[in-house]
C-alpha cells in the first residue's frame, strides 16, 4: 500500500473535504474516495492488515484538509479498521448495510453488487447525508470494546 499514488495527478484535491467510504470485509475492505461533486478520486482494495490500513489512512489524509470516513459495518470484521482509524484520531460515520442496499437501486453502472460499488455508495451517501449518520469518535465505548479483543500490537497504528 505504501508508495501507491492515491492522489489525482500528484496534487492535493481542490476543496477542503473528501469522503471515504469503506465496504468492510473479512480479509479485505474496499475504499472509495469522492470529492464534493461525487467524483471518484480513488477506488482500491484494502487488505485487512494494520500496516495496509495505516498506510491508506496516511495517504488519504494527505488528499485534503479533512477526510469524512464512513463504514457499512461495526462488527468484528471492522475491528482492526475502526481501531486503526481511532488511533489516527479519525471519526467514522456509520451507514448500515441495509441503507447501502436500498441506496444501490438509484446508482447506475455496469456492475452488479460489488465491493467497489458498495464503497462508492457509502462514500457518496456520506457526502449527501453526513449530518444524518451516526458518528463513532475515537474515544467511543464501541471502539474501546472492539479494542479489547485485539492484541496490544494491533491497537497502536504507530507500530
N, C-alpha and C. Protein backbone atom coordinates (compact mmCIF):
# COMPACT_ATOMS: atom_id res chain seq x y z
N UNK A 1 0.82 -1.18 0.00
CA UNK A 1 0.00 0.00 0.00
C UNK A 1 0.87 1.25 0.00
N UNK A 2 1.91 1.26 0.81
CA UNK A 2 2.79 2.44 0.87
C UNK A 2 3.37 2.69 -0.50
N UNK A 3 3.46 3.97 -0.84
CA UNK A 3 4.04 4.31 -2.12
C UNK A 3 3.03 4.36 -3.25
N UNK A 4 1.81 3.87 -3.02
CA UNK A 4 0.80 3.96 -4.07
C UNK A 4 0.39 5.40 -4.25
N UNK A 5 0.12 5.79 -5.47
CA UNK A 5 -0.33 7.15 -5.73
C UNK A 5 -1.83 7.23 -5.50
N UNK A 6 -2.21 7.82 -4.40
CA UNK A 6 -3.62 7.95 -4.06
C UNK A 6 -4.19 9.27 -4.54
N UNK A 7 -3.34 10.18 -4.97
CA UNK A 7 -3.82 11.49 -5.39
C UNK A 7 -4.06 11.51 -6.88
N UNK A 8 -4.78 12.50 -7.30
CA UNK A 8 -5.04 12.70 -8.71
C UNK A 8 -3.96 13.63 -9.23
N UNK A 9 -3.08 13.15 -10.08
CA UNK A 9 -2.03 13.98 -10.65
C UNK A 9 -1.02 14.48 -9.62
N UNK A 10 -0.77 13.69 -8.59
CA UNK A 10 0.20 14.03 -7.56
C UNK A 10 -0.05 15.37 -6.88
N UNK A 11 -1.29 15.81 -6.82
CA UNK A 11 -1.58 17.08 -6.16
C UNK A 11 -2.74 16.91 -5.20
N UNK A 12 -2.84 17.85 -4.29
CA UNK A 12 -3.93 17.84 -3.33
C UNK A 12 -5.24 18.15 -4.04
N UNK A 13 -6.31 17.54 -3.60
CA UNK A 13 -7.63 17.74 -4.18
C UNK A 13 -8.11 19.15 -3.87
N UNK A 14 -8.74 19.79 -4.85
CA UNK A 14 -9.31 21.11 -4.61
C UNK A 14 -10.51 20.98 -3.69
N UNK A 15 -10.61 21.84 -2.71
CA UNK A 15 -11.69 21.77 -1.74
C UNK A 15 -11.15 21.32 -0.40
N UNK A 16 -11.98 21.39 0.60
CA UNK A 16 -11.47 21.12 1.93
C UNK A 16 -11.83 19.74 2.47
N UNK A 17 -12.76 19.03 1.83
CA UNK A 17 -13.22 17.75 2.35
C UNK A 17 -13.32 16.72 1.22
N UNK A 18 -12.94 15.49 1.53
CA UNK A 18 -13.25 14.34 0.68
C UNK A 18 -13.97 13.33 1.56
N UNK A 19 -14.72 12.44 0.94
CA UNK A 19 -15.48 11.43 1.66
C UNK A 19 -14.93 10.06 1.29
N UNK A 20 -14.55 9.28 2.29
CA UNK A 20 -14.00 7.95 2.09
C UNK A 20 -15.01 6.92 2.59
N UNK A 21 -15.54 6.13 1.68
CA UNK A 21 -16.46 5.06 2.03
C UNK A 21 -15.72 3.74 2.03
N UNK A 22 -15.96 2.95 3.06
CA UNK A 22 -15.28 1.66 3.16
C UNK A 22 -16.31 0.55 3.27
N UNK A 23 -16.28 -0.35 2.28
CA UNK A 23 -17.08 -1.56 2.33
C UNK A 23 -16.26 -2.57 3.12
N UNK A 24 -16.72 -2.88 4.32
CA UNK A 24 -15.97 -3.73 5.24
C UNK A 24 -16.09 -5.19 4.84
N UNK A 25 -14.97 -5.89 4.85
CA UNK A 25 -14.95 -7.32 4.55
C UNK A 25 -14.10 -8.06 5.56
N UNK A 26 -14.10 -9.37 5.45
CA UNK A 26 -13.35 -10.20 6.41
C UNK A 26 -11.85 -10.14 6.15
N UNK A 27 -11.42 -10.44 4.94
CA UNK A 27 -10.00 -10.48 4.62
C UNK A 27 -9.51 -9.18 3.99
N UNK A 28 -10.41 -8.47 3.35
CA UNK A 28 -10.06 -7.17 2.78
C UNK A 28 -11.28 -6.26 2.80
N UNK A 29 -11.02 -4.99 2.69
CA UNK A 29 -12.06 -3.98 2.58
C UNK A 29 -11.92 -3.37 1.19
N UNK A 30 -12.87 -2.53 0.83
CA UNK A 30 -12.73 -1.73 -0.38
C UNK A 30 -12.95 -0.29 0.02
N UNK A 31 -12.05 0.60 -0.36
CA UNK A 31 -12.17 2.02 -0.03
C UNK A 31 -12.38 2.82 -1.32
N UNK A 32 -13.31 3.74 -1.25
CA UNK A 32 -13.59 4.64 -2.37
C UNK A 32 -13.64 6.05 -1.80
N UNK A 33 -12.96 6.98 -2.46
CA UNK A 33 -12.93 8.37 -2.03
C UNK A 33 -13.57 9.23 -3.11
N UNK A 34 -14.51 10.09 -2.70
CA UNK A 34 -15.17 11.01 -3.63
C UNK A 34 -14.95 12.45 -3.17
N UNK A 35 -15.05 13.37 -4.14
CA UNK A 35 -14.93 14.79 -3.81
C UNK A 35 -16.31 15.40 -3.63
N UNK A 36 -16.38 16.71 -3.48
CA UNK A 36 -17.64 17.41 -3.20
C UNK A 36 -18.67 17.25 -4.31
N UNK A 37 -18.22 16.96 -5.52
CA UNK A 37 -19.14 16.76 -6.64
C UNK A 37 -19.56 15.30 -6.78
N UNK A 38 -18.99 14.42 -5.97
CA UNK A 38 -19.29 13.00 -6.06
C UNK A 38 -18.41 12.26 -7.05
N UNK A 39 -17.39 12.93 -7.56
CA UNK A 39 -16.45 12.31 -8.50
C UNK A 39 -15.53 11.36 -7.74
N UNK A 40 -15.37 10.16 -8.26
CA UNK A 40 -14.50 9.16 -7.63
C UNK A 40 -13.04 9.57 -7.84
N UNK A 41 -12.33 9.76 -6.74
CA UNK A 41 -10.91 10.11 -6.79
C UNK A 41 -10.03 8.87 -6.73
N UNK A 42 -10.49 7.86 -6.01
CA UNK A 42 -9.79 6.59 -5.97
C UNK A 42 -10.74 5.51 -5.52
N UNK A 43 -10.42 4.31 -5.92
CA UNK A 43 -11.20 3.13 -5.54
C UNK A 43 -10.21 1.97 -5.51
N UNK A 44 -9.98 1.43 -4.32
CA UNK A 44 -8.93 0.42 -4.16
C UNK A 44 -9.33 -0.67 -3.16
N UNK A 45 -8.82 -1.86 -3.42
CA UNK A 45 -8.90 -2.96 -2.45
C UNK A 45 -7.93 -2.63 -1.32
N UNK A 46 -8.35 -2.90 -0.09
CA UNK A 46 -7.54 -2.58 1.08
C UNK A 46 -7.42 -3.82 1.96
N UNK A 47 -6.24 -4.44 1.99
CA UNK A 47 -6.07 -5.62 2.85
C UNK A 47 -6.40 -5.29 4.30
N UNK A 48 -6.99 -6.23 5.00
CA UNK A 48 -7.38 -6.02 6.40
C UNK A 48 -6.19 -6.31 7.31
N UNK A 49 -5.14 -5.52 7.13
CA UNK A 49 -3.95 -5.62 7.98
C UNK A 49 -3.66 -4.24 8.55
N UNK A 50 -3.03 -4.22 9.70
CA UNK A 50 -2.74 -2.95 10.36
C UNK A 50 -1.88 -2.05 9.48
N UNK A 51 -0.83 -2.59 8.89
CA UNK A 51 0.07 -1.77 8.08
C UNK A 51 -0.63 -1.20 6.85
N UNK A 52 -1.43 -2.01 6.17
CA UNK A 52 -2.13 -1.54 4.97
C UNK A 52 -3.15 -0.46 5.32
N UNK A 53 -3.88 -0.67 6.41
CA UNK A 53 -4.89 0.31 6.83
C UNK A 53 -4.22 1.61 7.24
N UNK A 54 -3.16 1.53 8.03
CA UNK A 54 -2.45 2.73 8.47
C UNK A 54 -1.87 3.49 7.28
N UNK A 55 -1.32 2.77 6.31
CA UNK A 55 -0.76 3.42 5.12
C UNK A 55 -1.85 4.11 4.31
N UNK A 56 -3.00 3.45 4.17
CA UNK A 56 -4.11 4.05 3.42
C UNK A 56 -4.61 5.31 4.11
N UNK A 57 -4.73 5.26 5.43
CA UNK A 57 -5.17 6.45 6.19
C UNK A 57 -4.18 7.59 5.97
N UNK A 58 -2.90 7.29 6.10
CA UNK A 58 -1.87 8.32 5.92
C UNK A 58 -1.94 8.91 4.51
N UNK A 59 -2.08 8.06 3.51
CA UNK A 59 -2.13 8.53 2.13
C UNK A 59 -3.39 9.34 1.85
N UNK A 60 -4.54 8.84 2.29
CA UNK A 60 -5.81 9.51 2.00
C UNK A 60 -5.91 10.84 2.75
N UNK A 61 -5.41 10.91 3.96
CA UNK A 61 -5.50 12.17 4.71
C UNK A 61 -4.62 13.26 4.10
N UNK A 62 -3.70 12.90 3.21
CA UNK A 62 -2.92 13.93 2.52
C UNK A 62 -3.66 14.51 1.32
N UNK A 63 -4.78 13.91 0.94
CA UNK A 63 -5.53 14.40 -0.21
C UNK A 63 -6.18 15.75 0.03
N UNK A 64 -6.52 16.03 1.26
CA UNK A 64 -7.38 17.16 1.55
C UNK A 64 -7.21 17.61 2.99
N UNK A 65 -7.86 18.73 3.33
CA UNK A 65 -7.81 19.22 4.71
C UNK A 65 -8.54 18.27 5.67
N UNK A 66 -9.63 17.65 5.19
CA UNK A 66 -10.44 16.79 6.05
C UNK A 66 -10.95 15.59 5.26
N UNK A 67 -10.92 14.43 5.89
CA UNK A 67 -11.49 13.22 5.30
C UNK A 67 -12.66 12.79 6.18
N UNK A 68 -13.82 12.64 5.57
CA UNK A 68 -15.00 12.14 6.27
C UNK A 68 -15.10 10.65 5.97
N UNK A 69 -14.79 9.82 6.96
CA UNK A 69 -14.76 8.37 6.80
C UNK A 69 -16.14 7.79 7.10
N UNK A 70 -16.53 6.75 6.36
CA UNK A 70 -17.78 6.03 6.63
C UNK A 70 -17.58 4.55 6.36
N UNK A 71 -18.27 3.74 7.16
CA UNK A 71 -18.23 2.28 7.01
C UNK A 71 -19.65 1.73 7.00
N UNK A 72 -19.77 0.49 6.54
CA UNK A 72 -21.09 -0.15 6.50
C UNK A 72 -21.27 -1.21 7.58
N UNK A 73 -20.23 -1.50 8.33
CA UNK A 73 -20.31 -2.49 9.41
C UNK A 73 -19.52 -2.01 10.62
N UNK A 74 -20.01 -2.37 11.80
CA UNK A 74 -19.25 -2.11 13.03
C UNK A 74 -19.10 -3.41 13.81
N UNK A 75 -19.02 -4.51 13.08
CA UNK A 75 -18.90 -5.84 13.69
C UNK A 75 -17.43 -6.23 13.82
N UNK A 76 -17.20 -7.47 14.18
CA UNK A 76 -15.85 -7.98 14.36
C UNK A 76 -14.99 -7.79 13.11
N UNK A 77 -15.58 -7.84 11.92
CA UNK A 77 -14.81 -7.66 10.68
C UNK A 77 -14.22 -6.26 10.59
N UNK A 78 -14.83 -5.30 11.26
CA UNK A 78 -14.38 -3.91 11.21
C UNK A 78 -13.47 -3.54 12.38
N UNK A 79 -13.20 -4.48 13.27
CA UNK A 79 -12.46 -4.19 14.50
C UNK A 79 -11.11 -3.52 14.23
N UNK A 80 -10.28 -4.14 13.44
CA UNK A 80 -8.96 -3.59 13.18
C UNK A 80 -9.07 -2.26 12.45
N UNK A 81 -9.91 -2.18 11.45
CA UNK A 81 -10.11 -0.94 10.69
C UNK A 81 -10.51 0.21 11.61
N UNK A 82 -11.55 -0.01 12.42
CA UNK A 82 -12.04 1.05 13.30
C UNK A 82 -11.00 1.43 14.36
N UNK A 83 -10.26 0.45 14.84
CA UNK A 83 -9.23 0.71 15.83
C UNK A 83 -8.11 1.56 15.25
N UNK A 84 -7.64 1.21 14.06
CA UNK A 84 -6.55 1.97 13.44
C UNK A 84 -7.02 3.38 13.08
N UNK A 85 -8.26 3.51 12.60
CA UNK A 85 -8.81 4.85 12.35
C UNK A 85 -8.87 5.66 13.64
N UNK A 86 -9.32 5.03 14.72
CA UNK A 86 -9.42 5.73 16.02
C UNK A 86 -8.04 6.16 16.50
N UNK A 87 -7.06 5.27 16.38
CA UNK A 87 -5.70 5.60 16.80
C UNK A 87 -5.12 6.75 15.97
N UNK A 88 -5.61 6.91 14.74
CA UNK A 88 -5.17 8.02 13.88
C UNK A 88 -5.99 9.28 14.16
N UNK A 89 -6.90 9.20 15.14
CA UNK A 89 -7.71 10.36 15.51
C UNK A 89 -8.85 10.65 14.56
N UNK A 90 -9.25 9.65 13.79
CA UNK A 90 -10.30 9.83 12.79
C UNK A 90 -11.66 9.36 13.31
N UNK A 91 -12.66 10.21 13.17
CA UNK A 91 -14.04 9.82 13.47
C UNK A 91 -14.60 9.11 12.25
N UNK A 92 -15.58 8.25 12.46
CA UNK A 92 -16.13 7.43 11.38
C UNK A 92 -17.65 7.48 11.45
N UNK A 93 -18.28 7.71 10.32
CA UNK A 93 -19.74 7.66 10.25
C UNK A 93 -20.15 6.23 9.89
N UNK A 94 -21.37 5.89 10.28
CA UNK A 94 -21.88 4.54 10.04
C UNK A 94 -23.11 4.61 9.16
N UNK A 95 -23.05 3.90 8.04
CA UNK A 95 -24.18 3.73 7.13
C UNK A 95 -24.48 2.24 7.09
N UNK A 96 -25.64 1.85 7.56
CA UNK A 96 -25.95 0.42 7.67
C UNK A 96 -25.92 -0.28 6.32
N UNK A 97 -25.62 -1.56 6.36
CA UNK A 97 -25.64 -2.37 5.14
C UNK A 97 -26.98 -2.31 4.44
N UNK A 98 -28.05 -2.27 5.22
CA UNK A 98 -29.39 -2.17 4.64
C UNK A 98 -29.56 -0.85 3.88
N UNK A 99 -29.03 0.23 4.44
CA UNK A 99 -29.10 1.53 3.77
C UNK A 99 -28.30 1.52 2.47
N UNK A 100 -27.15 0.84 2.49
CA UNK A 100 -26.34 0.71 1.28
C UNK A 100 -27.13 -0.04 0.22
N UNK A 101 -27.75 -1.14 0.62
CA UNK A 101 -28.54 -1.96 -0.31
C UNK A 101 -29.69 -1.14 -0.90
N UNK A 102 -30.40 -0.38 -0.05
CA UNK A 102 -31.52 0.43 -0.54
C UNK A 102 -31.03 1.52 -1.48
N UNK A 103 -29.94 2.18 -1.14
CA UNK A 103 -29.41 3.25 -1.98
C UNK A 103 -28.89 2.73 -3.31
N UNK A 104 -28.45 1.48 -3.35
CA UNK A 104 -27.85 0.94 -4.57
C UNK A 104 -28.82 0.92 -5.74
N UNK A 105 -30.11 0.95 -5.46
CA UNK A 105 -31.10 0.93 -6.53
C UNK A 105 -31.04 2.18 -7.40
N UNK A 106 -30.57 3.29 -6.86
CA UNK A 106 -30.54 4.53 -7.63
C UNK A 106 -29.20 4.79 -8.31
N UNK A 107 -28.22 3.94 -8.04
CA UNK A 107 -26.91 4.11 -8.67
C UNK A 107 -26.83 3.26 -9.92
N UNK A 108 -26.42 3.88 -11.01
CA UNK A 108 -26.28 3.14 -12.26
C UNK A 108 -24.84 2.69 -12.41
N UNK A 109 -24.64 1.82 -13.33
CA UNK A 109 -23.29 1.32 -13.58
C UNK A 109 -23.37 -0.10 -14.09
N UNK A 110 -22.34 -0.51 -14.78
CA UNK A 110 -22.32 -1.82 -15.38
C UNK A 110 -22.19 -2.95 -14.38
N UNK A 111 -21.75 -2.64 -13.18
CA UNK A 111 -21.50 -3.71 -12.23
C UNK A 111 -22.72 -3.99 -11.36
N UNK A 112 -22.90 -5.24 -11.06
CA UNK A 112 -23.95 -5.62 -10.10
C UNK A 112 -23.38 -5.34 -8.71
N UNK A 113 -23.87 -6.03 -7.72
CA UNK A 113 -23.35 -5.88 -6.36
C UNK A 113 -21.86 -6.19 -6.36
N UNK A 114 -21.08 -5.26 -5.86
CA UNK A 114 -19.64 -5.49 -5.74
C UNK A 114 -19.10 -4.65 -4.60
N UNK A 115 -17.92 -5.01 -4.11
CA UNK A 115 -17.30 -4.24 -3.04
C UNK A 115 -17.03 -2.81 -3.48
N UNK A 116 -16.53 -2.66 -4.72
CA UNK A 116 -16.21 -1.32 -5.23
C UNK A 116 -17.46 -0.45 -5.33
N UNK A 117 -18.54 -1.02 -5.83
CA UNK A 117 -19.79 -0.26 -5.95
C UNK A 117 -20.31 0.11 -4.57
N UNK A 118 -20.29 -0.82 -3.64
CA UNK A 118 -20.77 -0.54 -2.28
C UNK A 118 -19.93 0.55 -1.62
N UNK A 119 -18.61 0.51 -1.79
CA UNK A 119 -17.75 1.54 -1.20
C UNK A 119 -18.08 2.91 -1.80
N UNK A 120 -18.35 2.94 -3.09
CA UNK A 120 -18.72 4.21 -3.74
C UNK A 120 -20.04 4.73 -3.17
N UNK A 121 -21.00 3.84 -3.01
CA UNK A 121 -22.30 4.24 -2.44
C UNK A 121 -22.12 4.76 -1.02
N UNK A 122 -21.30 4.09 -0.23
CA UNK A 122 -21.06 4.52 1.15
C UNK A 122 -20.44 5.92 1.17
N UNK A 123 -19.44 6.14 0.33
CA UNK A 123 -18.79 7.46 0.26
C UNK A 123 -19.78 8.52 -0.19
N UNK A 124 -20.53 8.23 -1.24
CA UNK A 124 -21.46 9.21 -1.80
C UNK A 124 -22.62 9.50 -0.85
N UNK A 125 -23.15 8.47 -0.22
CA UNK A 125 -24.23 8.68 0.75
C UNK A 125 -23.73 9.50 1.95
N UNK A 126 -22.51 9.26 2.36
CA UNK A 126 -21.93 10.05 3.44
C UNK A 126 -21.79 11.51 3.02
N UNK A 127 -21.41 11.72 1.78
CA UNK A 127 -21.29 13.08 1.25
C UNK A 127 -22.63 13.80 1.29
N UNK A 128 -23.69 13.10 0.92
CA UNK A 128 -25.01 13.72 0.84
C UNK A 128 -25.76 13.73 2.16
N UNK A 129 -25.54 12.73 3.01
CA UNK A 129 -26.34 12.57 4.23
C UNK A 129 -25.51 12.64 5.50
N UNK A 130 -24.27 13.08 5.40
CA UNK A 130 -23.33 13.04 6.51
C UNK A 130 -23.87 13.43 7.86
N UNK A 131 -24.56 14.56 7.93
CA UNK A 131 -25.05 15.05 9.23
C UNK A 131 -26.11 14.13 9.83
N UNK A 132 -26.75 13.32 9.01
CA UNK A 132 -27.80 12.42 9.48
C UNK A 132 -27.27 11.06 9.94
N UNK A 133 -26.01 10.78 9.68
CA UNK A 133 -25.45 9.46 10.00
C UNK A 133 -24.81 9.47 11.39
N UNK A 134 -24.97 8.37 12.13
CA UNK A 134 -24.31 8.28 13.44
C UNK A 134 -22.79 8.31 13.28
N UNK A 135 -22.13 8.90 14.27
CA UNK A 135 -20.67 9.05 14.22
C UNK A 135 -20.03 8.27 15.37
N UNK A 136 -18.97 7.55 15.04
CA UNK A 136 -18.13 6.88 16.04
C UNK A 136 -16.89 7.73 16.22
N UNK A 137 -16.67 8.22 17.42
CA UNK A 137 -15.48 9.01 17.72
C UNK A 137 -14.41 8.09 18.30
N UNK A 138 -13.13 8.48 18.18
CA UNK A 138 -12.05 7.62 18.67
C UNK A 138 -12.19 7.17 20.12
N UNK A 139 -12.87 7.95 20.95
CA UNK A 139 -12.98 7.58 22.36
C UNK A 139 -14.33 6.95 22.73
N UNK A 140 -15.14 6.59 21.73
CA UNK A 140 -16.45 5.99 22.00
C UNK A 140 -16.31 4.59 22.62
N UNK A 141 -17.32 4.22 23.38
CA UNK A 141 -17.33 2.92 24.05
C UNK A 141 -17.19 1.76 23.06
N UNK A 142 -17.88 1.85 21.91
CA UNK A 142 -17.81 0.77 20.92
C UNK A 142 -16.37 0.54 20.47
N UNK A 143 -15.65 1.62 20.21
CA UNK A 143 -14.25 1.49 19.79
C UNK A 143 -13.43 0.83 20.89
N UNK A 144 -13.63 1.24 22.12
CA UNK A 144 -12.89 0.64 23.24
C UNK A 144 -13.23 -0.84 23.39
N UNK A 145 -14.50 -1.18 23.21
CA UNK A 145 -14.92 -2.59 23.32
C UNK A 145 -14.30 -3.43 22.22
N UNK A 146 -14.24 -2.89 21.01
CA UNK A 146 -13.62 -3.62 19.90
C UNK A 146 -12.13 -3.82 20.15
N UNK A 147 -11.48 -2.84 20.76
CA UNK A 147 -10.05 -2.92 21.02
C UNK A 147 -9.69 -4.00 22.03
N UNK A 148 -10.62 -4.34 22.91
CA UNK A 148 -10.36 -5.33 23.96
C UNK A 148 -9.91 -6.66 23.37
N UNK A 149 -10.49 -7.06 22.26
CA UNK A 149 -10.17 -8.35 21.66
C UNK A 149 -8.92 -8.36 20.81
N UNK A 150 -8.29 -7.21 20.63
CA UNK A 150 -7.10 -7.15 19.78
C UNK A 150 -5.83 -7.28 20.59
N UNK A 151 -4.80 -7.90 20.01
CA UNK A 151 -3.50 -7.90 20.68
C UNK A 151 -3.00 -6.47 20.80
N UNK A 152 -2.21 -6.18 21.82
CA UNK A 152 -1.72 -4.82 22.06
C UNK A 152 -1.02 -4.23 20.84
N UNK A 153 -0.28 -5.04 20.11
CA UNK A 153 0.44 -4.53 18.94
C UNK A 153 -0.51 -4.04 17.86
N UNK A 154 -1.70 -4.63 17.78
CA UNK A 154 -2.66 -4.24 16.75
C UNK A 154 -3.43 -2.99 17.12
N UNK A 155 -3.41 -2.60 18.39
CA UNK A 155 -4.17 -1.44 18.83
C UNK A 155 -3.46 -0.15 18.46
N UNK A 156 -2.15 -0.17 18.37
CA UNK A 156 -1.40 1.04 18.05
C UNK A 156 -1.07 1.08 16.57
N UNK A 157 -1.55 2.11 15.89
CA UNK A 157 -1.28 2.26 14.46
C UNK A 157 0.14 2.76 14.23
N UNK A 158 0.81 3.15 15.27
CA UNK A 158 2.16 3.68 15.10
C UNK A 158 3.22 2.59 15.05
N UNK A 159 2.84 1.36 15.39
CA UNK A 159 3.82 0.28 15.47
C UNK A 159 4.07 -0.34 14.22
